[in-house]
Amino acid sequence: MSYDLVRQTHPGAPSVVGARVRHTPTGRLGRIAPAVPGLGAQLRVRFEGEVLPCRVDPASLVFAIAALVTLPGRRP
């Protein structure tokens, strides 16, 4: 499963499993969890302090974009 529909309907949403997100209505922080069948255009987010991931609309999330860091001796 993948988040292809989310990528099509929300082009600015980097729907990558493991990406850090902040839920704007509540301010909670979490990470994108793997997709499951039947999600539609929603993401599964595992918020900090919770065991099970929740279904969240991508429009209500702020995606934390981290700068890429090259490691010495490694190819970028």
PDB file of N, CA and C in Angstrom:
ATOM      1  N   MET A   1       0.847  -1.176   0.000  1.00  0.00           N
ATOM      2  CA  MET A   1       0.000   0.000   0.000  1.00  0.00           C
ATOM      3  C   MET A   1       0.888   1.234   0.000  1.00  0.00           C
ATOM      4  N   SER A   2       0.354   2.293  -0.565  1.00  0.00           N
ATOM      5  CA  SER A   2       1.094   3.544  -0.581  1.00  0.00           C
ATOM      6  C   SER A   2       0.100   4.694  -0.488  1.00  0.00           C
ATOM      7  N   TYR A   3       0.639   5.876  -0.419  1.00  0.00           N
ATOM      8  CA  TYR A   3      -0.171   7.078  -0.302  1.00  0.00           C
ATOM      9  C   TYR A   3      -0.276   7.789  -1.648  1.00  0.00           C
ATOM     10  N   ASP A   4      -0.516   7.053  -2.746  1.00  0.00           N
ATOM     11  CA  ASP A   4      -0.598   7.647  -4.077  1.00  0.00           C
ATOM     12  C   ASP A   4      -1.739   8.653  -4.191  1.00  0.00           C
ATOM     13  N   LEU A   5      -2.909   8.334  -3.647  1.00  0.00           N
ATOM     14  CA  LEU A   5      -4.042   9.250  -3.730  1.00  0.00           C
ATOM     15  C   LEU A   5      -3.754  10.534  -2.959  1.00  0.00           C
ATOM     16  N   VAL A   6      -3.083  10.441  -1.824  1.00  0.00           N
ATOM     17  CA  VAL A   6      -2.717  11.631  -1.056  1.00  0.00           C
ATOM     18  C   VAL A   6      -1.758  12.491  -1.865  1.00  0.00           C
ATOM     19  N   ARG A   7      -0.806  11.867  -2.542  1.00  0.00           N
ATOM     20  CA  ARG A   7       0.145  12.624  -3.365  1.00  0.00           C
ATOM     21  C   ARG A   7      -0.555  13.337  -4.516  1.00  0.00           C
ATOM     22  N   GLN A   8      -1.612  12.728  -5.064  1.00  0.00           N
ATOM     23  CA  GLN A   8      -2.342  13.341  -6.169  1.00  0.00           C
ATOM     24  C   GLN A   8      -3.228  14.485  -5.704  1.00  0.00           C
ATOM     25  N   THR A   9      -3.902  14.328  -4.583  1.00  0.00           N
ATOM     26  CA  THR A   9      -4.843  15.346  -4.115  1.00  0.00           C
ATOM     27  C   THR A   9      -4.184  16.438  -3.290  1.00  0.00           C
ATOM     28  N   HIS A  10      -3.040  16.173  -2.685  1.00  0.00           N
ATOM     29  CA  HIS A  10      -2.307  17.153  -1.880  1.00  0.00           C
ATOM     30  C   HIS A  10      -0.850  17.164  -2.341  1.00  0.00           C
ATOM     31  N   PRO A  11      -0.545  17.867  -3.441  1.00  0.00           N
ATOM     32  CA  PRO A  11       0.811  17.802  -4.002  1.00  0.00           C
ATOM     33  C   PRO A  11       1.901  18.320  -3.065  1.00  0.00           C
ATOM     34  N   GLY A  12       1.581  19.184  -2.123  1.00  0.00           N
ATOM     35  CA  GLY A  12       2.596  19.716  -1.218  1.00  0.00           C
ATOM     36  C   GLY A  12       2.866  18.835  -0.015  1.00  0.00           C
ATOM     37  N   ALA A  13       2.138  17.747   0.102  1.00  0.00           N
ATOM     38  CA  ALA A  13       2.278  16.878   1.266  1.00  0.00           C
ATOM     39  C   ALA A  13       3.292  15.773   0.980  1.00  0.00           C
ATOM     40  N   PRO A  14       4.471  15.827   1.606  1.00  0.00           N
ATOM     41  CA  PRO A  14       5.440  14.743   1.396  1.00  0.00           C
ATOM     42  C   PRO A  14       5.031  13.522   2.213  1.00  0.00           C
ATOM     43  N   SER A  15       4.155  12.725   1.650  1.00  0.00           N
ATOM     44  CA  SER A  15       3.592  11.588   2.385  1.00  0.00           C
ATOM     45  C   SER A  15       4.557  10.409   2.372  1.00  0.00           C
ATOM     46  N   VAL A  16       5.616  10.554   3.135  1.00  0.00           N
ATOM     47  CA  VAL A  16       6.647   9.530   3.245  1.00  0.00           C
ATOM     48  C   VAL A  16       6.546   8.908   4.632  1.00  0.00           C
ATOM     49  N   VAL A  17       6.538   7.597   4.693  1.00  0.00           N
ATOM     50  CA  VAL A  17       6.447   6.911   5.982  1.00  0.00           C
ATOM     51  C   VAL A  17       7.638   7.306   6.846  1.00  0.00           C
ATOM     52  N   GLY A  18       7.344   7.734   8.074  1.00  0.00           N
ATOM     53  CA  GLY A  18       8.386   8.145   9.008  1.00  0.00           C
ATOM     54  C   GLY A  18       8.604   9.639   9.065  1.00  0.00           C
ATOM     55  N   ALA A  19       7.954  10.407   8.172  1.00  0.00           N
ATOM     56  CA  ALA A  19       8.127  11.861   8.173  1.00  0.00           C
ATOM     57  C   ALA A  19       7.495  12.462   9.426  1.00  0.00           C
ATOM     58  N   ARG A  20       8.142  13.479   9.983  1.00  0.00           N
ATOM     59  CA  ARG A  20       7.633  14.163  11.175  1.00  0.00           C
ATOM     60  C   ARG A  20       6.542  15.142  10.770  1.00  0.00           C
ATOM     61  N   VAL A  21       5.463  15.179  11.542  1.00  0.00           N
ATOM     62  CA  VAL A  21       4.348  16.079  11.268  1.00  0.00           C
ATOM     63  C   VAL A  21       3.854  16.702  12.571  1.00  0.00           C
ATOM     64  N   ARG A  22       3.161  17.842  12.415  1.00  0.00           N
ATOM     65  CA  ARG A  22       2.496  18.494  13.549  1.00  0.00           C
ATOM     66  C   ARG A  22       1.050  18.717  13.151  1.00  0.00           C
ATOM     67  N   HIS A  23       0.126  18.281  14.005  1.00  0.00           N
ATOM     68  CA  HIS A  23      -1.305  18.437  13.762  1.00  0.00           C
ATOM     69  C   HIS A  23      -1.688  19.851  14.175  1.00  0.00           C
ATOM     70  N   THR A  24      -2.107  20.697  13.222  1.00  0.00           N
ATOM     71  CA  THR A  24      -2.344  22.108  13.526  1.00  0.00           C
ATOM     72  C   THR A  24      -3.500  22.360  14.497  1.00  0.00           C
ATOM     73  N   PRO A  25      -4.636  21.643  14.436  1.00  0.00           N
ATOM     74  CA  PRO A  25      -5.699  21.936  15.409  1.00  0.00           C
ATOM     75  C   PRO A  25      -5.308  21.644  16.857  1.00  0.00           C
ATOM     76  N   THR A  26      -4.509  20.609  17.085  1.00  0.00           N
ATOM     77  CA  THR A  26      -4.177  20.229  18.458  1.00  0.00           C
ATOM     78  C   THR A  26      -2.738  20.522  18.840  1.00  0.00           C
ATOM     79  N   GLY A  27      -1.855  20.701  17.858  1.00  0.00           N
ATOM     80  CA  GLY A  27      -0.443  20.949  18.137  1.00  0.00           C
ATOM     81  C   GLY A  27       0.353  19.702  18.463  1.00  0.00           C
ATOM     82  N   ARG A  28      -0.257  18.518  18.345  1.00  0.00           N
ATOM     83  CA  ARG A  28       0.454  17.273  18.656  1.00  0.00           C
ATOM     84  C   ARG A  28       1.476  16.943  17.578  1.00  0.00           C
ATOM     85  N   LEU A  29       2.575  16.313  17.993  1.00  0.00           N
ATOM     86  CA  LEU A  29       3.623  15.883  17.073  1.00  0.00           C
ATOM     87  C   LEU A  29       3.513  14.388  16.840  1.00  0.00           C
ATOM     88  N   GLY A  30       3.913  13.955  15.648  1.00  0.00           N
ATOM     89  CA  GLY A  30       3.867  12.534  15.348  1.00  0.00           C
ATOM     90  C   GLY A  30       4.647  12.203  14.095  1.00  0.00           C
ATOM     91  N   ARG A  31       4.520  10.947  13.669  1.00  0.00           N
ATOM     92  CA  ARG A  31       5.185  10.454  12.458  1.00  0.00           C
ATOM     93  C   ARG A  31       4.158   9.737  11.597  1.00  0.00           C
ATOM     94  N   ILE A  32       4.357   9.811  10.279  1.00  0.00           N
ATOM     95  CA  ILE A  32       3.462   9.130   9.354  1.00  0.00           C
ATOM     96  C   ILE A  32       3.699   7.626   9.458  1.00  0.00           C
ATOM     97  N   ALA A  33       2.608   6.888   9.612  1.00  0.00           N
ATOM     98  CA  ALA A  33       2.659   5.425   9.728  1.00  0.00           C
ATOM     99  C   ALA A  33       2.381   4.801   8.355  1.00  0.00           C
ATOM    100  N   PRO A  34       2.728   3.528   8.174  1.00  0.00           N
ATOM    101  CA  PRO A  34       2.457   2.863   6.894  1.00  0.00           C
ATOM    102  C   PRO A  34       0.965   2.847   6.553  1.00  0.00           C
ATOM    103  N   ALA A  35       0.673   2.869   5.264  1.00  0.00           N
ATOM    104  CA  ALA A  35      -0.707   2.889   4.786  1.00  0.00           C
ATOM    105  C   ALA A  35      -1.367   1.521   4.939  1.00  0.00           C
ATOM    106  N   VAL A  36      -2.685   1.545   5.020  1.00  0.00           N
ATOM    107  CA  VAL A  36      -3.493   0.328   5.032  1.00  0.00           C
ATOM    108  C   VAL A  36      -4.604   0.506   3.996  1.00  0.00           C
ATOM    109  N   PRO A  37      -5.228  -0.580   3.516  1.00  0.00           N
ATOM    110  CA  PRO A  37      -6.307  -0.446   2.530  1.00  0.00           C
ATOM    111  C   PRO A  37      -7.492   0.339   3.086  1.00  0.00           C
ATOM    112  N   GLY A  38      -8.138   1.112   2.226  1.00  0.00           N
ATOM    113  CA  GLY A  38      -9.350   1.819   2.599  1.00  0.00           C
ATOM    114  C   GLY A  38      -9.150   3.181   3.222  1.00  0.00           C
ATOM    115  N   LEU A  39      -7.962   3.764   3.125  1.00  0.00           N
ATOM    116  CA  LEU A  39      -7.721   5.072   3.730  1.00  0.00           C
ATOM    117  C   LEU A  39      -8.274   6.218   2.899  1.00  0.00           C
ATOM    118  N   GLY A  40      -8.331   6.062   1.595  1.00  0.00           N
ATOM    119  CA  GLY A  40      -8.726   7.173   0.741  1.00  0.00           C
ATOM    120  C   GLY A  40      -7.622   8.214   0.723  1.00  0.00           C
ATOM    121  N   ALA A  41      -7.992   9.482   0.868  1.00  0.00           N
ATOM    122  CA  ALA A  41      -7.017  10.571   0.816  1.00  0.00           C
ATOM    123  C   ALA A  41      -6.608  11.007   2.218  1.00  0.00           C
ATOM    124  N   GLN A  42      -6.487  10.078   3.144  1.00  0.00           N
ATOM    125  CA  GLN A  42      -6.062  10.391   4.502  1.00  0.00           C
ATOM    126  C   GLN A  42      -4.739   9.715   4.805  1.00  0.00           C
ATOM    127  N   LEU A  43      -4.050  10.261   5.800  1.00  0.00           N
ATOM    128  CA  LEU A  43      -2.787   9.689   6.258  1.00  0.00           C
ATOM    129  C   LEU A  43      -2.998   9.033   7.609  1.00  0.00           C
ATOM    130  N   ARG A  44      -2.192   8.037   7.898  1.00  0.00           N
ATOM    131  CA  ARG A  44      -2.164   7.463   9.245  1.00  0.00           C
ATOM    132  C   ARG A  44      -0.987   8.095   9.965  1.00  0.00           C
ATOM    133  N   VAL A  45      -1.250   8.673  11.133  1.00  0.00           N
ATOM    134  CA  VAL A  45      -0.209   9.339  11.912  1.00  0.00           C
ATOM    135  C   VAL A  45      -0.179   8.731  13.300  1.00  0.00           C
ATOM    136  N   ARG A  46       1.016   8.342  13.736  1.00  0.00           N
ATOM    137  CA  ARG A  46       1.201   7.851  15.106  1.00  0.00           C
ATOM    138  C   ARG A  46       1.724   9.025  15.922  1.00  0.00           C
ATOM    139  N   PHE A  47       0.862   9.576  16.769  1.00  0.00           N
ATOM    140  CA  PHE A  47       1.239  10.718  17.593  1.00  0.00           C
ATOM    141  C   PHE A  47       2.055  10.264  18.789  1.00  0.00           C
ATOM    142  N   GLU A  48       2.901  11.166  19.277  1.00  0.00           N
ATOM    143  CA  GLU A  48       3.763  10.852  20.419  1.00  0.00           C
ATOM    144  C   GLU A  48       2.904  10.523  21.634  1.00  0.00           C
ATOM    145  N   GLY A  49       3.267   9.468  22.328  1.00  0.00           N
ATOM    146  CA  GLY A  49       2.550   9.050  23.520  1.00  0.00           C
ATOM    147  C   GLY A  49       1.366   8.142  23.242  1.00  0.00           C
ATOM    148  N   GLU A  50       1.073   7.862  21.982  1.00  0.00           N
ATOM    149  CA  GLU A  50      -0.032   6.977  21.635  1.00  0.00           C
ATOM    150  C   GLU A  50       0.503   5.701  20.999  1.00  0.00           C
ATOM    151  N   VAL A  51      -0.240   4.627  21.154  1.00  0.00           N
ATOM    152  CA  VAL A  51       0.194   3.339  20.624  1.00  0.00           C
ATOM    153  C   VAL A  51      -0.304   3.148  19.193  1.00  0.00           C
ATOM    154  N   LEU A  52      -1.575   3.427  18.964  1.00  0.00           N
ATOM    155  CA  LEU A  52      -2.173   3.195  17.653  1.00  0.00           C
ATOM    156  C   LEU A  52      -2.185   4.474  16.820  1.00  0.00           C
ATOM    157  N   PRO A  53      -1.957   4.357  15.517  1.00  0.00           N
ATOM    158  CA  PRO A  53      -2.022   5.538  14.649  1.00  0.00           C
ATOM    159  C   PRO A  53      -3.463   5.967  14.400  1.00  0.00           C
ATOM    160  N   CYS A  54      -3.643   7.253  14.093  1.00  0.00           N
ATOM    161  CA  CYS A  54      -4.952   7.831  13.802  1.00  0.00           C
ATOM    162  C   CYS A  54      -5.024   8.221  12.334  1.00  0.00           C
ATOM    163  N   ARG A  55      -6.230   8.262  11.787  1.00  0.00           N
ATOM    164  CA  ARG A  55      -6.436   8.764  10.429  1.00  0.00           C
ATOM    165  C   ARG A  55      -6.552  10.282  10.500  1.00  0.00           C
ATOM    166  N   VAL A  56      -5.787  10.964   9.649  1.00  0.00           N
ATOM    167  CA  VAL A  56      -5.739  12.424   9.699  1.00  0.00           C
ATOM    168  C   VAL A  56      -5.802  12.971   8.275  1.00  0.00           C
ATOM    169  N   ASP A  57      -6.516  14.088   8.105  1.00  0.00           N
ATOM    170  CA  ASP A  57      -6.563  14.772   6.818  1.00  0.00           C
ATOM    171  C   ASP A  57      -5.233  15.488   6.586  1.00  0.00           C
ATOM    172  N   PRO A  58      -4.591  15.313   5.430  1.00  0.00           N
ATOM    173  CA  PRO A  58      -3.286  15.938   5.185  1.00  0.00           C
ATOM    174  C   PRO A  58      -3.316  17.463   5.232  1.00  0.00           C
ATOM    175  N   ALA A  59      -4.481  18.077   4.977  1.00  0.00           N
ATOM    176  CA  ALA A  59      -4.567  19.537   5.011  1.00  0.00           C
ATOM    177  C   ALA A  59      -4.385  20.084   6.422  1.00  0.00           C
ATOM    178  N   SER A  60      -4.613  19.264   7.447  1.00  0.00           N
ATOM    179  CA  SER A  60      -4.486  19.729   8.829  1.00  0.00           C
ATOM    180  C   SER A  60      -3.110  19.446   9.418  1.00  0.00           C
ATOM    181  N   LEU A  61      -2.160  19.021   8.581  1.00  0.00           N
ATOM    182  CA  LEU A  61      -0.818  18.699   9.061  1.00  0.00           C
ATOM    183  C   LEU A  61       0.206  19.687   8.535  1.00  0.00           C
ATOM    184  N   VAL A  62       1.197  19.961   9.370  1.00  0.00           N
ATOM    185  CA  VAL A  62       2.368  20.728   8.951  1.00  0.00           C
ATOM    186  C   VAL A  62       3.514  19.740   8.921  1.00  0.00           C
ATOM    187  N   PHE A  63       4.173  19.654   7.773  1.00  0.00           N
ATOM    188  CA  PHE A  63       5.242  18.681   7.588  1.00  0.00           C
ATOM    189  C   PHE A  63       6.575  19.300   7.955  1.00  0.00           C
ATOM    190  N   ALA A  64       7.326  18.631   8.819  1.00  0.00           N
ATOM    191  CA  ALA A  64       8.650  19.104   9.230  1.00  0.00           C
ATOM    192  C   ALA A  64       9.643  18.682   8.160  1.00  0.00           C
ATOM    193  N   ILE A  65      10.199  19.650   7.483  1.00  0.00           N
ATOM    194  CA  ILE A  65      11.172  19.376   6.435  1.00  0.00           C
ATOM    195  C   ILE A  65      12.557  19.551   7.043  1.00  0.00           C
ATOM    196  N   ALA A  66      13.313  18.495   7.074  1.00  0.00           N
ATOM    197  CA  ALA A  66      14.665  18.543   7.630  1.00  0.00           C
ATOM    198  C   ALA A  66      15.665  18.767   6.507  1.00  0.00           C
ATOM    199  N   ALA A  67      16.703  19.498   6.813  1.00  0.00           N
ATOM    200  CA  ALA A  67      17.761  19.724   5.835  1.00  0.00           C
ATOM    201  C   ALA A  67      18.564  18.438   5.652  1.00  0.00           C
ATOM    202  N   LEU A  68      18.970  18.184   4.429  1.00  0.00           N
ATOM    203  CA  LEU A  68      19.791  17.005   4.164  1.00  0.00           C
ATOM    204  C   LEU A  68      21.222  17.273   4.602  1.00  0.00           C
ATOM    205  N   VAL A  69      21.796  16.329   5.282  1.00  0.00           N
ATOM    206  CA  VAL A  69      23.163  16.457   5.775  1.00  0.00           C
ATOM    207  C   VAL A  69      23.991  15.356   5.139  1.00  0.00           C
ATOM    208  N   THR A  70      25.087  15.730   4.515  1.00  0.00           N
ATOM    209  CA  THR A  70      25.955  14.714   3.926  1.00  0.00           C
ATOM    210  C   THR A  70      26.966  14.260   4.965  1.00  0.00           C
ATOM    211  N   LEU A  71      27.183  12.986   5.019  1.00  0.00           N
ATOM    212  CA  LEU A  71      28.151  12.427   5.952  1.00  0.00           C
ATOM    213  C   LEU A  71      29.518  12.387   5.287  1.00  0.00           C
ATOM    214  N   PRO A  72      30.579  12.674   6.026  1.00  0.00           N
ATOM    215  CA  PRO A  72      31.905  12.632   5.413  1.00  0.00           C
ATOM    216  C   PRO A  72      32.248  11.219   4.952  1.00  0.00           C
ATOM    217  N   GLY A  73      32.831  11.129   3.771  1.00  0.00           N
ATOM    218  CA  GLY A  73      33.215   9.833   3.243  1.00  0.00           C
ATOM    219  C   GLY A  73      32.079   9.070   2.590  1.00  0.00           C
ATOM    220  N   ARG A  74      30.904   9.671   2.481  1.00  0.00           N
ATOM    221  CA  ARG A  74      29.743   9.015   1.869  1.00  0.00           C
ATOM    222  C   ARG A  74      29.314   9.790   0.632  1.00  0.00           C
ATOM    223  N   ARG A  75      28.760   9.069  -0.315  1.00  0.00           N
ATOM    224  CA  ARG A  75      28.223   9.735  -1.495  1.00  0.00           C
ATOM    225  C   ARG A  75      26.874  10.332  -1.161  1.00  0.00           C
ATOM    226  N   PRO A  76      26.549  11.512  -1.679  1.00  0.00           N
ATOM    227  CA  PRO A  76      25.229  12.107  -1.408  1.00  0.00           C
ATOM    228  C   PRO A  76      24.111  11.402  -2.128  1.00  0.00           C
TER     229      PRO A  76
END
